[in-house]
PDB file of N, CA and C in Angstrom:
ATOM      1  N   UNK A   1      -6.801 -87.337-185.159  1.00  0.00           N
ATOM      2  CA  UNK A   1      -5.837 -86.551-184.869  1.00  0.00           C
ATOM      3  C   UNK A   1      -5.794 -85.564-183.539  1.00  0.00           C
ATOM      4  N   UNK A   2      -4.463 -85.341-183.186  1.00  0.00           N
ATOM      5  CA  UNK A   2      -4.448 -84.591-181.768  1.00  0.00           C
ATOM      6  C   UNK A   2      -4.441 -83.402-181.945  1.00  0.00           C
ATOM      7  N   UNK A   3      -5.095 -82.772-180.926  1.00  0.00           N
ATOM      8  CA  UNK A   3      -5.322 -81.208-181.149  1.00  0.00           C
ATOM      9  C   UNK A   3      -4.121 -80.505-180.752  1.00  0.00           C
ATOM     10  N   UNK A   4      -3.776 -79.526-181.422  1.00  0.00           N
ATOM     11  CA  UNK A   4      -2.475 -78.709-181.244  1.00  0.00           C
ATOM     12  C   UNK A   4      -2.467 -77.727-180.165  1.00  0.00           C
ATOM     13  N   UNK A   5      -3.740 -77.861-179.156  1.00  0.00           N
ATOM     14  CA  UNK A   5      -3.698 -76.669-178.373  1.00  0.00           C
ATOM     15  C   UNK A   5      -4.739 -77.387-177.362  1.00  0.00           C
ATOM     16  N   UNK A   6      -4.787 -76.573-175.974  1.00  0.00           N
ATOM     17  CA  UNK A   6      -5.563 -76.976-174.923  1.00  0.00           C
ATOM     18  C   UNK A   6      -6.020 -75.968-174.480  1.00  0.00           C
ATOM     19  N   UNK A   7      -7.572 -75.285-174.118  1.00  0.00           N
ATOM     20  CA  UNK A   7      -8.008 -74.284-173.820  1.00  0.00           C
ATOM     21  C   UNK A   7      -8.209 -74.895-172.314  1.00  0.00           C
ATOM     22  N   UNK A   8      -7.875 -73.907-171.115  1.00  0.00           N
ATOM     23  CA  UNK A   8      -8.236 -74.338-169.795  1.00  0.00           C
ATOM     24  C   UNK A   8      -9.476 -73.487-169.486  1.00  0.00           C
ATOM     25  N   UNK A   9     -10.597 -74.166-169.153  1.00  0.00           N
ATOM     26  CA  UNK A   9     -11.756 -73.347-168.756  1.00  0.00           C
ATOM     27  C   UNK A   9     -11.993 -73.560-167.175  1.00  0.00           C
ATOM     28  N   UNK A  10     -11.707 -74.659-166.899  1.00  0.00           N
ATOM     29  CA  UNK A  10     -12.042 -75.106-165.336  1.00  0.00           C
ATOM     30  C   UNK A  10     -10.582 -75.241-164.508  1.00  0.00           C
ATOM     31  N   UNK A  11      -9.779 -74.283-164.047  1.00  0.00           N
ATOM     32  CA  UNK A  11      -8.847 -74.654-163.709  1.00  0.00           C
ATOM     33  C   UNK A  11      -9.037 -75.359-162.223  1.00  0.00           C
ATOM     34  N   UNK A  12      -7.925 -76.063-161.561  1.00  0.00           N
ATOM     35  CA  UNK A  12      -7.661 -76.338-160.393  1.00  0.00           C
ATOM     36  C   UNK A  12      -7.803 -75.389-159.187  1.00  0.00           C
ATOM     37  N   UNK A  13      -8.827 -75.381-158.562  1.00  0.00           N
ATOM     38  CA  UNK A  13      -8.727 -74.640-157.324  1.00  0.00           C
ATOM     39  C   UNK A  13      -8.219 -75.005-156.339  1.00  0.00           C
ATOM     40  N   UNK A  14      -7.073 -74.708-155.497  1.00  0.00           N
ATOM     41  CA  UNK A  14      -6.245 -75.076-154.620  1.00  0.00           C
ATOM     42  C   UNK A  14      -6.959 -74.983-153.311  1.00  0.00           C
ATOM     43  N   UNK A  15      -7.151 -76.023-152.584  1.00  0.00           N
ATOM     44  CA  UNK A  15      -7.733 -75.807-151.040  1.00  0.00           C
ATOM     45  C   UNK A  15      -6.980 -74.952-150.429  1.00  0.00           C
ATOM     46  N   UNK A  16      -7.292 -73.815-149.663  1.00  0.00           N
ATOM     47  CA  UNK A  16      -6.380 -72.820-148.680  1.00  0.00           C
ATOM     48  C   UNK A  16      -7.267 -72.749-147.489  1.00  0.00           C
ATOM     49  N   UNK A  17      -6.254 -72.370-146.472  1.00  0.00           N
ATOM     50  CA  UNK A  17      -6.850 -72.320-145.155  1.00  0.00           C
ATOM     51  C   UNK A  17      -6.781 -70.651-144.739  1.00  0.00           C
ATOM     52  N   UNK A  18      -6.250 -69.872-145.729  1.00  0.00           N
ATOM     53  CA  UNK A  18      -5.674 -68.810-145.503  1.00  0.00           C
ATOM     54  C   UNK A  18      -6.428 -67.392-146.266  1.00  0.00           C
ATOM     55  N   UNK A  19      -7.453 -67.839-147.002  1.00  0.00           N
ATOM     56  CA  UNK A  19      -8.184 -66.818-147.576  1.00  0.00           C
ATOM     57  C   UNK A  19      -7.586 -66.765-149.120  1.00  0.00           C
ATOM     58  N   UNK A  20      -6.533 -67.248-149.656  1.00  0.00           N
ATOM     59  CA  UNK A  20      -5.873 -67.202-150.778  1.00  0.00           C
ATOM     60  C   UNK A  20      -6.578 -67.921-151.936  1.00  0.00           C
ATOM     61  N   UNK A  21      -6.694 -67.262-152.930  1.00  0.00           N
ATOM     62  CA  UNK A  21      -7.323 -68.089-154.091  1.00  0.00           C
ATOM     63  C   UNK A  21      -6.213 -68.365-155.174  1.00  0.00           C
ATOM     64  N   UNK A  22      -6.255 -69.705-155.216  1.00  0.00           N
ATOM     65  CA  UNK A  22      -5.293 -70.316-156.028  1.00  0.00           C
ATOM     66  C   UNK A  22      -5.826 -71.156-157.033  1.00  0.00           C
ATOM     67  N   UNK A  23      -5.690 -70.798-158.227  1.00  0.00           N
ATOM     68  CA  UNK A  23      -6.374 -71.393-159.541  1.00  0.00           C
ATOM     69  C   UNK A  23      -5.250 -71.717-160.623  1.00  0.00           C
ATOM     70  N   UNK A  24      -4.983 -72.967-160.368  1.00  0.00           N
ATOM     71  CA  UNK A  24      -4.177 -73.677-161.183  1.00  0.00           C
ATOM     72  C   UNK A  24      -4.615 -73.918-162.511  1.00  0.00           C
ATOM     73  N   UNK A  25      -3.927 -73.357-163.558  1.00  0.00           N
ATOM     74  CA  UNK A  25      -4.466 -73.740-165.140  1.00  0.00           C
ATOM     75  C   UNK A  25      -3.846 -74.705-165.866  1.00  0.00           C
ATOM     76  N   UNK A  26      -2.481 -74.764-165.438  1.00  0.00           N
ATOM     77  CA  UNK A  26      -1.898 -75.972-166.123  1.00  0.00           C
ATOM     78  C   UNK A  26      -0.741 -76.343-164.790  1.00  0.00           C
ATOM     79  N   UNK A  27      -0.671 -77.514-164.801  1.00  0.00           N
ATOM     80  CA  UNK A  27       0.485 -77.825-163.874  1.00  0.00           C
ATOM     81  C   UNK A  27      -0.021 -79.492-163.306  1.00  0.00           C
ATOM     82  N   UNK A  28       0.633 -79.880-162.287  1.00  0.00           N
ATOM     83  CA  UNK A  28       0.765 -81.035-161.564  1.00  0.00           C
ATOM     84  C   UNK A  28      -0.998 -81.565-161.136  1.00  0.00           C
ATOM     85  N   UNK A  29      -1.461 -80.592-160.594  1.00  0.00           N
ATOM     86  CA  UNK A  29      -2.741 -80.729-160.069  1.00  0.00           C
ATOM     87  C   UNK A  29      -4.023 -80.687-161.199  1.00  0.00           C
ATOM     88  N   UNK A  30      -3.544 -79.878-162.108  1.00  0.00           N
ATOM     89  CA  UNK A  30      -4.582 -79.868-163.340  1.00  0.00           C
ATOM     90  C   UNK A  30      -4.589 -80.913-164.523  1.00  0.00           C
ATOM     91  N   UNK A  31      -3.144 -81.070-164.993  1.00  0.00           N
ATOM     92  CA  UNK A  31      -3.269 -81.777-166.060  1.00  0.00           C
ATOM     93  C   UNK A  31      -1.890 -82.644-165.961  1.00  0.00           C
ATOM     94  N   UNK A  32      -1.250 -83.039-164.807  1.00  0.00           N
ATOM     95  CA  UNK A  32      -0.531 -83.692-164.433  1.00  0.00           C
ATOM     96  C   UNK A  32       0.906 -83.403-165.136  1.00  0.00           C
ATOM     97  N   UNK A  33       1.145 -82.101-165.598  1.00  0.00           N
ATOM     98  CA  UNK A  33       2.265 -81.755-166.071  1.00  0.00           C
ATOM     99  C   UNK A  33       3.138 -81.212-165.075  1.00  0.00           C
ATOM    100  N   UNK A  34       4.123 -81.880-164.904  1.00  0.00           N
ATOM    101  CA  UNK A  34       5.611 -81.611-163.942  1.00  0.00           C
ATOM    102  C   UNK A  34       6.456 -80.814-164.324  1.00  0.00           C
ATOM    103  N   UNK A  35       6.584 -80.340-165.746  1.00  0.00           N
ATOM    104  CA  UNK A  35       7.432 -79.533-166.248  1.00  0.00           C
ATOM    105  C   UNK A  35       7.158 -78.052-165.991  1.00  0.00           C
ATOM    106  N   UNK A  36       5.865 -77.613-165.991  1.00  0.00           N
ATOM    107  CA  UNK A  36       5.592 -75.884-165.755  1.00  0.00           C
ATOM    108  C   UNK A  36       4.309 -76.248-165.103  1.00  0.00           C
ATOM    109  N   UNK A  37       4.078 -75.149-164.279  1.00  0.00           N
ATOM    110  CA  UNK A  37       2.687 -74.691-163.779  1.00  0.00           C
ATOM    111  C   UNK A  37       2.398 -73.218-163.915  1.00  0.00           C
ATOM    112  N   UNK A  38       1.311 -73.059-163.957  1.00  0.00           N
ATOM    113  CA  UNK A  38       0.695 -71.783-164.440  1.00  0.00           C
ATOM    114  C   UNK A  38      -0.278 -71.541-163.397  1.00  0.00           C
ATOM    115  N   UNK A  39      -0.418 -70.337-162.352  1.00  0.00           N
ATOM    116  CA  UNK A  39      -1.384 -70.159-161.691  1.00  0.00           C
ATOM    117  C   UNK A  39      -1.819 -68.867-161.595  1.00  0.00           C
ATOM    118  N   UNK A  40      -3.108 -68.563-161.110  1.00  0.00           N
ATOM    119  CA  UNK A  40      -3.640 -67.376-161.010  1.00  0.00           C
ATOM    120  C   UNK A  40      -4.058 -67.118-159.590  1.00  0.00           C
ATOM    121  N   UNK A  41      -3.619 -66.179-159.014  1.00  0.00           N
ATOM    122  CA  UNK A  41      -3.403 -66.109-157.418  1.00  0.00           C
ATOM    123  C   UNK A  41      -4.145 -64.785-156.849  1.00  0.00           C
ATOM    124  N   UNK A  42      -5.164 -64.673-156.235  1.00  0.00           N
ATOM    125  CA  UNK A  42      -5.621 -63.478-155.271  1.00  0.00           C
ATOM    126  C   UNK A  42      -5.031 -63.637-153.855  1.00  0.00           C
ATOM    127  N   UNK A  43      -4.153 -62.526-153.524  1.00  0.00           N
ATOM    128  CA  UNK A  43      -3.684 -62.681-151.992  1.00  0.00           C
ATOM    129  C   UNK A  43      -4.533 -61.811-151.368  1.00  0.00           C
ATOM    130  N   UNK A  44      -5.251 -62.141-150.053  1.00  0.00           N
ATOM    131  CA  UNK A  44      -6.008 -60.883-149.475  1.00  0.00           C
ATOM    132  C   UNK A  44      -5.163 -60.081-148.823  1.00  0.00           C
ATOM    133  N   UNK A  45      -5.199 -58.880-148.345  1.00  0.00           N
ATOM    134  CA  UNK A  45      -4.753 -57.918-147.339  1.00  0.00           C
ATOM    135  C   UNK A  45      -4.280 -58.808-146.202  1.00  0.00           C
ATOM    136  N   UNK A  46      -2.871 -58.641-145.820  1.00  0.00           N
ATOM    137  CA  UNK A  46      -2.719 -59.079-144.634  1.00  0.00           C
ATOM    138  C   UNK A  46      -2.171 -60.604-144.742  1.00  0.00           C
ATOM    139  N   UNK A  47      -2.400 -61.053-145.916  1.00  0.00           N
ATOM    140  CA  UNK A  47      -1.956 -62.795-146.022  1.00  0.00           C
ATOM    141  C   UNK A  47      -0.454 -62.717-146.063  1.00  0.00           C
ATOM    142  N   UNK A  48       0.091 -63.938-145.472  1.00  0.00           N
ATOM    143  CA  UNK A  48       1.633 -64.443-145.818  1.00  0.00           C
ATOM    144  C   UNK A  48       1.494 -65.932-145.716  1.00  0.00           C
ATOM    145  N   UNK A  49       2.919 -66.096-146.103  1.00  0.00           N
ATOM    146  CA  UNK A  49       3.247 -67.621-146.141  1.00  0.00           C
ATOM    147  C   UNK A  49       4.449 -67.810-145.327  1.00  0.00           C
ATOM    148  N   UNK A  50       4.712 -68.905-144.687  1.00  0.00           N
ATOM    149  CA  UNK A  50       5.980 -69.432-144.042  1.00  0.00           C
ATOM    150  C   UNK A  50       6.909 -69.162-145.315  1.00  0.00           C
ATOM    151  N   UNK A  51       8.524 -69.025-144.779  1.00  0.00           N
ATOM    152  CA  UNK A  51       9.222 -69.030-145.376  1.00  0.00           C
ATOM    153  C   UNK A  51       9.667 -70.315-146.175  1.00  0.00           C
ATOM    154  N   UNK A  52      10.337 -70.469-147.351  1.00  0.00           N
ATOM    155  CA  UNK A  52      10.101 -71.820-148.123  1.00  0.00           C
ATOM    156  C   UNK A  52      11.662 -71.454-148.915  1.00  0.00           C
ATOM    157  N   UNK A  53      11.865 -72.781-149.436  1.00  0.00           N
ATOM    158  CA  UNK A  53      13.250 -72.609-150.376  1.00  0.00           C
ATOM    159  C   UNK A  53      12.840 -73.822-151.516  1.00  0.00           C
ATOM    160  N   UNK A  54      12.323 -73.466-152.328  1.00  0.00           N
ATOM    161  CA  UNK A  54      11.526 -73.971-153.455  1.00  0.00           C
ATOM    162  C   UNK A  54      12.709 -74.986-154.354  1.00  0.00           C
ATOM    163  N   UNK A  55      12.375 -76.073-154.977  1.00  0.00           N
ATOM    164  CA  UNK A  55      13.184 -76.945-155.878  1.00  0.00           C
ATOM    165  C   UNK A  55      12.965 -76.098-157.344  1.00  0.00           C
ATOM    166  N   UNK A  56      12.193 -75.157-157.528  1.00  0.00           N
ATOM    167  CA  UNK A  56      11.819 -74.802-158.664  1.00  0.00           C
ATOM    168  C   UNK A  56      12.266 -73.030-158.843  1.00  0.00           C
ATOM    169  N   UNK A  57      12.528 -73.041-160.060  1.00  0.00           N
ATOM    170  CA  UNK A  57      12.378 -71.276-160.572  1.00  0.00           C
ATOM    171  C   UNK A  57      10.703 -70.801-160.444  1.00  0.00           C
ATOM    172  N   UNK A  58      10.911 -69.579-159.663  1.00  0.00           N
ATOM    173  CA  UNK A  58       9.389 -69.184-159.767  1.00  0.00           C
ATOM    174  C   UNK A  58       9.310 -67.505-160.481  1.00  0.00           C
ATOM    175  N   UNK A  59       8.491 -67.500-161.177  1.00  0.00           N
ATOM    176  CA  UNK A  59       8.264 -66.264-161.913  1.00  0.00           C
ATOM    177  C   UNK A  59       6.976 -65.765-161.634  1.00  0.00           C
ATOM    178  N   UNK A  60       6.869 -64.192-161.080  1.00  0.00           N
ATOM    179  CA  UNK A  60       5.791 -63.942-160.679  1.00  0.00           C
ATOM    180  C   UNK A  60       5.553 -62.656-161.539  1.00  0.00           C
ATOM    181  N   UNK A  61       4.155 -62.558-161.858  1.00  0.00           N
ATOM    182  CA  UNK A  61       3.776 -61.110-162.620  1.00  0.00           C
ATOM    183  C   UNK A  61       2.667 -60.407-161.921  1.00  0.00           C
ATOM    184  N   UNK A  62       2.892 -59.286-161.412  1.00  0.00           N
ATOM    185  CA  UNK A  62       1.590 -58.345-160.664  1.00  0.00           C
ATOM    186  C   UNK A  62       0.592 -57.986-161.753  1.00  0.00           C
ATOM    187  N   UNK A  63      -0.666 -58.332-161.253  1.00  0.00           N
ATOM    188  CA  UNK A  63      -1.708 -57.844-162.115  1.00  0.00           C
ATOM    189  C   UNK A  63      -2.172 -56.644-161.425  1.00  0.00           C
ATOM    190  N   UNK A  64      -2.467 -56.636-159.847  1.00  0.00           N
ATOM    191  CA  UNK A  64      -2.945 -55.640-159.404  1.00  0.00           C
ATOM    192  C   UNK A  64      -2.766 -55.681-157.824  1.00  0.00           C
ATOM    193  N   UNK A  65      -2.430 -54.451-157.413  1.00  0.00           N
ATOM    194  CA  UNK A  65      -2.056 -54.342-155.954  1.00  0.00           C
ATOM    195  C   UNK A  65      -0.318 -54.447-155.936  1.00  0.00           C
ATOM    196  N   UNK A  66      -0.071 -55.063-154.476  1.00  0.00           N
ATOM    197  CA  UNK A  66       1.336 -55.171-154.268  1.00  0.00           C
ATOM    198  C   UNK A  66       1.668 -56.135-153.504  1.00  0.00           C
ATOM    199  N   UNK A  67       2.978 -56.831-153.775  1.00  0.00           N
ATOM    200  CA  UNK A  67       3.247 -58.102-153.202  1.00  0.00           C
ATOM    201  C   UNK A  67       4.944 -57.916-152.514  1.00  0.00           C
ATOM    202  N   UNK A  68       5.048 -58.478-151.228  1.00  0.00           N
ATOM    203  CA  UNK A  68       6.045 -58.213-150.801  1.00  0.00           C
ATOM    204  C   UNK A  68       6.834 -59.604-150.821  1.00  0.00           C
ATOM    205  N   UNK A  69       8.206 -59.654-151.128  1.00  0.00           N
ATOM    206  CA  UNK A  69       8.761 -60.632-151.054  1.00  0.00           C
ATOM    207  C   UNK A  69      10.208 -60.497-150.448  1.00  0.00           C
ATOM    208  N   UNK A  70      10.499 -61.438-149.076  1.00  0.00           N
ATOM    209  CA  UNK A  70      11.988 -61.308-148.650  1.00  0.00           C
ATOM    210  C   UNK A  70      12.559 -62.584-149.366  1.00  0.00           C
ATOM    211  N   UNK A  71      13.905 -62.183-149.900  1.00  0.00           N
ATOM    212  CA  UNK A  71      14.302 -62.975-150.654  1.00  0.00           C
ATOM    213  C   UNK A  71      15.925 -62.912-150.193  1.00  0.00           C
ATOM    214  N   UNK A  72      16.286 -64.004-149.478  1.00  0.00           N
ATOM    215  CA  UNK A  72      17.700 -63.978-148.932  1.00  0.00           C
ATOM    216  C   UNK A  72      18.153 -62.696-148.100  1.00  0.00           C
ATOM    217  N   UNK A  73      17.209 -62.480-147.470  1.00  0.00           N
ATOM    218  CA  UNK A  73      17.147 -61.336-146.551  1.00  0.00           C
ATOM    219  C   UNK A  73      16.912 -59.748-147.132  1.00  0.00           C
ATOM    220  N   UNK A  74      16.689 -59.721-148.400  1.00  0.00           N
ATOM    221  CA  UNK A  74      16.474 -58.463-148.938  1.00  0.00           C
ATOM    222  C   UNK A  74      14.887 -58.391-149.246  1.00  0.00           C
ATOM    223  N   UNK A  75      14.294 -57.360-148.579  1.00  0.00           N
ATOM    224  CA  UNK A  75      12.807 -57.226-148.799  1.00  0.00           C
ATOM    225  C   UNK A  75      12.631 -56.515-150.218  1.00  0.00           C
ATOM    226  N   UNK A  76      11.769 -56.995-151.186  1.00  0.00           N
ATOM    227  CA  UNK A  76      11.532 -56.505-152.497  1.00  0.00           C
ATOM    228  C   UNK A  76      10.088 -56.137-152.379  1.00  0.00           C
ATOM    229  N   UNK A  77       9.529 -54.849-152.961  1.00  0.00           N
ATOM    230  CA  UNK A  77       7.933 -54.759-153.276  1.00  0.00           C
ATOM    231  C   UNK A  77       7.869 -54.809-154.867  1.00  0.00           C
ATOM    232  N   UNK A  78       6.929 -55.437-155.158  1.00  0.00           N
ATOM    233  CA  UNK A  78       6.155 -55.413-156.694  1.00  0.00           C
ATOM    234  C   UNK A  78       4.912 -54.644-156.565  1.00  0.00           C
ATOM    235  N   UNK A  79       4.776 -54.041-157.819  1.00  0.00           N
ATOM    236  CA  UNK A  79       3.451 -53.288-157.849  1.00  0.00           C
ATOM    237  C   UNK A  79       3.162 -53.767-159.593  1.00  0.00           C
ATOM    238  N   UNK A  80       1.720 -53.468-159.442  1.00  0.00           N
ATOM    239  CA  UNK A  80       1.087 -53.904-160.828  1.00  0.00           C
ATOM    240  C   UNK A  80       1.809 -53.549-161.987  1.00  0.00           C
ATOM    241  N   UNK A  81       2.080 -54.599-162.841  1.00  0.00           N
ATOM    242  CA  UNK A  81       2.858 -54.303-164.251  1.00  0.00           C
ATOM    243  C   UNK A  81       3.993 -54.881-164.008  1.00  0.00           C
ATOM    244  N   UNK A  82       4.882 -55.215-162.872  1.00  0.00           N
ATOM    245  CA  UNK A  82       6.426 -55.762-162.926  1.00  0.00           C
ATOM    246  C   UNK A  82       6.224 -56.947-162.345  1.00  0.00           C
ATOM    247  N   UNK A  83       7.284 -57.573-162.744  1.00  0.00           N
ATOM    248  CA  UNK A  83       7.503 -58.918-162.461  1.00  0.00           C
ATOM    249  C   UNK A  83       8.819 -59.512-161.903  1.00  0.00           C
ATOM    250  N   UNK A  84       9.069 -60.800-161.648  1.00  0.00           N
ATOM    251  CA  UNK A  84      10.215 -61.137-161.119  1.00  0.00           C
ATOM    252  C   UNK A  84      10.433 -62.510-161.292  1.00  0.00           C
ATOM    253  N   UNK A  85      11.927 -62.812-161.259  1.00  0.00           N
ATOM    254  CA  UNK A  85      12.143 -64.402-161.291  1.00  0.00           C
ATOM    255  C   UNK A  85      13.048 -64.779-159.939  1.00  0.00           C
ATOM    256  N   UNK A  86      12.488 -65.646-159.375  1.00  0.00           N
ATOM    257  CA  UNK A  86      13.536 -66.011-158.152  1.00  0.00           C
ATOM    258  C   UNK A  86      13.873 -67.332-158.467  1.00  0.00           C
ATOM    259  N   UNK A  87      15.069 -67.422-158.603  1.00  0.00           N
ATOM    260  CA  UNK A  87      16.054 -68.794-158.992  1.00  0.00           C
ATOM    261  C   UNK A  87      15.731 -69.756-157.671  1.00  0.00           C
ATOM    262  N   UNK A  88      15.446 -71.253-158.085  1.00  0.00           N
ATOM    263  CA  UNK A  88      15.306 -72.447-157.444  1.00  0.00           C
ATOM    264  C   UNK A  88      16.487 -72.558-156.228  1.00  0.00           C
ATOM    265  N   UNK A  89      16.323 -73.199-155.248  1.00  0.00           N
ATOM    266  CA  UNK A  89      17.041 -73.263-154.021  1.00  0.00           C
ATOM    267  C   UNK A  89      17.565 -71.885-153.170  1.00  0.00           C
ATOM    268  N   UNK A  90      16.435 -70.743-153.572  1.00  0.00           N
ATOM    269  CA  UNK A  90      16.552 -69.596-152.824  1.00  0.00           C
ATOM    270  C   UNK A  90      15.609 -69.466-151.821  1.00  0.00           C
ATOM    271  N   UNK A  91      15.881 -68.951-150.360  1.00  0.00           N
ATOM    272  CA  UNK A  91      14.936 -68.848-149.332  1.00  0.00           C
ATOM    273  C   UNK A  91      14.209 -67.416-149.610  1.00  0.00           C
ATOM    274  N   UNK A  92      12.709 -67.484-149.593  1.00  0.00           N
ATOM    275  CA  UNK A  92      11.958 -66.458-149.910  1.00  0.00           C
ATOM    276  C   UNK A  92      10.698 -66.875-148.970  1.00  0.00           C
ATOM    277  N   UNK A  93      10.179 -65.572-148.555  1.00  0.00           N
ATOM    278  CA  UNK A  93       8.728 -65.287-147.982  1.00  0.00           C
ATOM    279  C   UNK A  93       8.057 -64.518-148.919  1.00  0.00           C
ATOM    280  N   UNK A  94       6.682 -65.128-148.965  1.00  0.00           N
ATOM    281  CA  UNK A  94       5.831 -64.240-149.891  1.00  0.00           C
ATOM    282  C   UNK A  94       4.651 -63.759-148.924  1.00  0.00           C
ATOM    283  N   UNK A  95       4.285 -62.172-149.012  1.00  0.00           N
ATOM    284  CA  UNK A  95       3.052 -61.910-148.385  1.00  0.00           C
ATOM    285  C   UNK A  95       2.659 -60.681-148.949  1.00  0.00           C
ATOM    286  N   UNK A  96       1.586 -60.362-148.451  1.00  0.00           N
ATOM    287  CA  UNK A  96       0.741 -59.094-148.901  1.00  0.00           C
ATOM    288  C   UNK A  96       0.585 -58.167-147.465  1.00  0.00           C
ATOM    289  N   UNK A  97       1.370 -57.501-146.952  1.00  0.00           N
ATOM    290  CA  UNK A  97       1.166 -56.726-145.660  1.00  0.00           C
ATOM    291  C   UNK A  97       0.284 -55.246-145.971  1.00  0.00           C
ATOM    292  N   UNK A  98      -0.096 -55.408-147.424  1.00  0.00           N
ATOM    293  CA  UNK A  98      -0.751 -53.895-147.397  1.00  0.00           C
ATOM    294  C   UNK A  98      -2.254 -54.086-147.641  1.00  0.00           C
ATOM    295  N   UNK A  99      -2.979 -52.897-147.693  1.00  0.00           N
ATOM    296  CA  UNK A  99      -4.358 -52.562-147.592  1.00  0.00           C
ATOM    297  C   UNK A  99      -5.434 -53.378-148.584  1.00  0.00           C
ATOM    298  N   UNK A 100      -4.890 -53.653-149.923  1.00  0.00           N
ATOM    299  CA  UNK A 100      -5.775 -54.096-150.767  1.00  0.00           C
ATOM    300  C   UNK A 100      -4.959 -55.410-151.301  1.00  0.00           C
ATOM    301  N   UNK A 101      -6.031 -56.114-151.801  1.00  0.00           N
ATOM    302  CA  UNK A 101      -5.465 -57.409-152.169  1.00  0.00           C
ATOM    303  C   UNK A 101      -4.482 -57.397-153.483  1.00  0.00           C
ATOM    304  N   UNK A 102      -4.018 -58.467-153.600  1.00  0.00           N
ATOM    305  CA  UNK A 102      -3.075 -58.518-154.417  1.00  0.00           C
ATOM    306  C   UNK A 102      -3.215 -59.637-155.648  1.00  0.00           C
ATOM    307  N   UNK A 103      -3.599 -59.293-156.846  1.00  0.00           N
ATOM    308  CA  UNK A 103      -3.757 -60.266-157.938  1.00  0.00           C
ATOM    309  C   UNK A 103      -2.368 -60.493-158.679  1.00  0.00           C
ATOM    310  N   UNK A 104      -2.168 -61.633-159.042  1.00  0.00           N
ATOM    311  CA  UNK A 104      -0.701 -62.210-159.855  1.00  0.00           C
ATOM    312  C   UNK A 104      -0.773 -63.517-160.391  1.00  0.00           C
ATOM    313  N   UNK A 105       0.085 -63.786-161.493  1.00  0.00           N
ATOM    314  CA  UNK A 105       0.046 -64.882-162.187  1.00  0.00           C
ATOM    315  C   UNK A 105       1.453 -65.343-161.681  1.00  0.00           C
ATOM    316  N   UNK A 106       1.425 -66.713-161.295  1.00  0.00           N
ATOM    317  CA  UNK A 106       2.929 -67.279-160.913  1.00  0.00           C
ATOM    318  C   UNK A 106       3.236 -68.616-161.933  1.00  0.00           C
ATOM    319  N   UNK A 107       4.263 -68.706-162.252  1.00  0.00           N
ATOM    320  CA  UNK A 107       4.649 -69.714-163.163  1.00  0.00           C
ATOM    321  C   UNK A 107       6.247 -70.433-162.568  1.00  0.00           C
ATOM    322  N   UNK A 108       5.873 -71.838-162.454  1.00  0.00           N
ATOM    323  CA  UNK A 108       6.857 -72.464-161.538  1.00  0.00           C
ATOM    324  C   UNK A 108       7.766 -73.592-162.822  1.00  0.00           C
ATOM    325  N   UNK A 109       9.096 -73.471-162.569  1.00  0.00           N
ATOM    326  CA  UNK A 109       9.740 -74.439-163.553  1.00  0.00           C
ATOM    327  C   UNK A 109      10.731 -75.008-162.656  1.00  0.00           C
ATOM    328  N   UNK A 110      10.632 -76.677-162.638  1.00  0.00           N
ATOM    329  CA  UNK A 110       9.730 -77.289-162.999  1.00  0.00           C
ATOM    330  C   UNK A 110       8.143 -77.112-162.242  1.00  0.00           C
ATOM    331  N   UNK A 111       7.103 -77.838-162.412  1.00  0.00           N
ATOM    332  CA  UNK A 111       5.938 -77.469-161.932  1.00  0.00           C
ATOM    333  C   UNK A 111       5.931 -77.372-160.366  1.00  0.00           C
ATOM    334  N   UNK A 112       5.177 -76.411-159.660  1.00  0.00           N
ATOM    335  CA  UNK A 112       4.767 -76.683-158.440  1.00  0.00           C
ATOM    336  C   UNK A 112       4.496 -77.776-157.514  1.00  0.00           C
ATOM    337  N   UNK A 113       4.927 -78.203-156.804  1.00  0.00           N
ATOM    338  CA  UNK A 113       4.613 -79.448-155.878  1.00  0.00           C
ATOM    339  C   UNK A 113       4.966 -79.090-154.360  1.00  0.00           C
ATOM    340  N   UNK A 114       3.896 -79.690-153.558  1.00  0.00           N
ATOM    341  CA  UNK A 114       4.183 -79.802-152.132  1.00  0.00           C
ATOM    342  C   UNK A 114       5.401 -80.284-151.861  1.00  0.00           C
ATOM    343  N   UNK A 115       5.846 -81.308-152.416  1.00  0.00           N
ATOM    344  CA  UNK A 115       7.023 -82.169-152.363  1.00  0.00           C
ATOM    345  C   UNK A 115       8.329 -81.283-152.885  1.00  0.00           C
ATOM    346  N   UNK A 116       8.238 -80.279-153.518  1.00  0.00           N
ATOM    347  CA  UNK A 116       9.485 -79.495-154.007  1.00  0.00           C
ATOM    348  C   UNK A 116       9.588 -78.158-153.290  1.00  0.00           C
ATOM    349  N   UNK A 117       8.475 -77.666-152.693  1.00  0.00           N
ATOM    350  CA  UNK A 117       8.461 -76.125-152.205  1.00  0.00           C
ATOM    351  C   UNK A 117       9.252 -75.935-150.767  1.00  0.00           C
ATOM    352  N   UNK A 118       9.255 -77.056-150.056  1.00  0.00           N
ATOM    353  CA  UNK A 118      10.143 -77.080-148.959  1.00  0.00           C
ATOM    354  C   UNK A 118       9.894 -75.664-147.879  1.00  0.00           C
ATOM    355  N   UNK A 119       8.490 -75.692-147.499  1.00  0.00           N
ATOM    356  CA  UNK A 119       8.111 -74.922-146.665  1.00  0.00           C
ATOM    357  C   UNK A 119       8.676 -74.899-145.008  1.00  0.00           C
ATOM    358  N   UNK A 120       9.115 -73.867-144.396  1.00  0.00           N
ATOM    359  CA  UNK A 120       9.566 -74.074-143.068  1.00  0.00           C
ATOM    360  C   UNK A 120       8.507 -74.260-142.140  1.00  0.00           C
ATOM    361  N   UNK A 121       8.306 -74.698-141.023  1.00  0.00           N
ATOM    362  CA  UNK A 121       7.585 -75.060-139.976  1.00  0.00           C
ATOM    363  C   UNK A 121       7.594 -73.912-139.111  1.00  0.00           C
ATOM    364  N   UNK A 122       6.409 -73.614-138.522  1.00  0.00           N
ATOM    365  CA  UNK A 122       6.313 -72.451-137.664  1.00  0.00           C
ATOM    366  C   UNK A 122       5.420 -71.460-137.919  1.00  0.00           C
TER     367      UNK A 122
END
């Protein structure tokens, strides 16, 4: 009989070169699920990513610290307990220019993949 649930005890740790911790609990890298991805992230102080225009909706919930979003030219800063939905095909840059690390959950629909994130060079 198929189990009706899956407990994730060993998320896939995405290799990074920028000091950011990415633990994918469900998604392409972990269980081959291309419908949705759920990841736990810790972004160190001073971290940033290039601008990107993902082909997925991304929901972010801030657990600790603050995170900066530049969304179509608007600068938005979220703090612990706040969340945001950024619609697919929106140009966005994520960063943590603040003194403390930022811990958050990211959910992507469909699931995050490098083929869909469309990061800009430079």
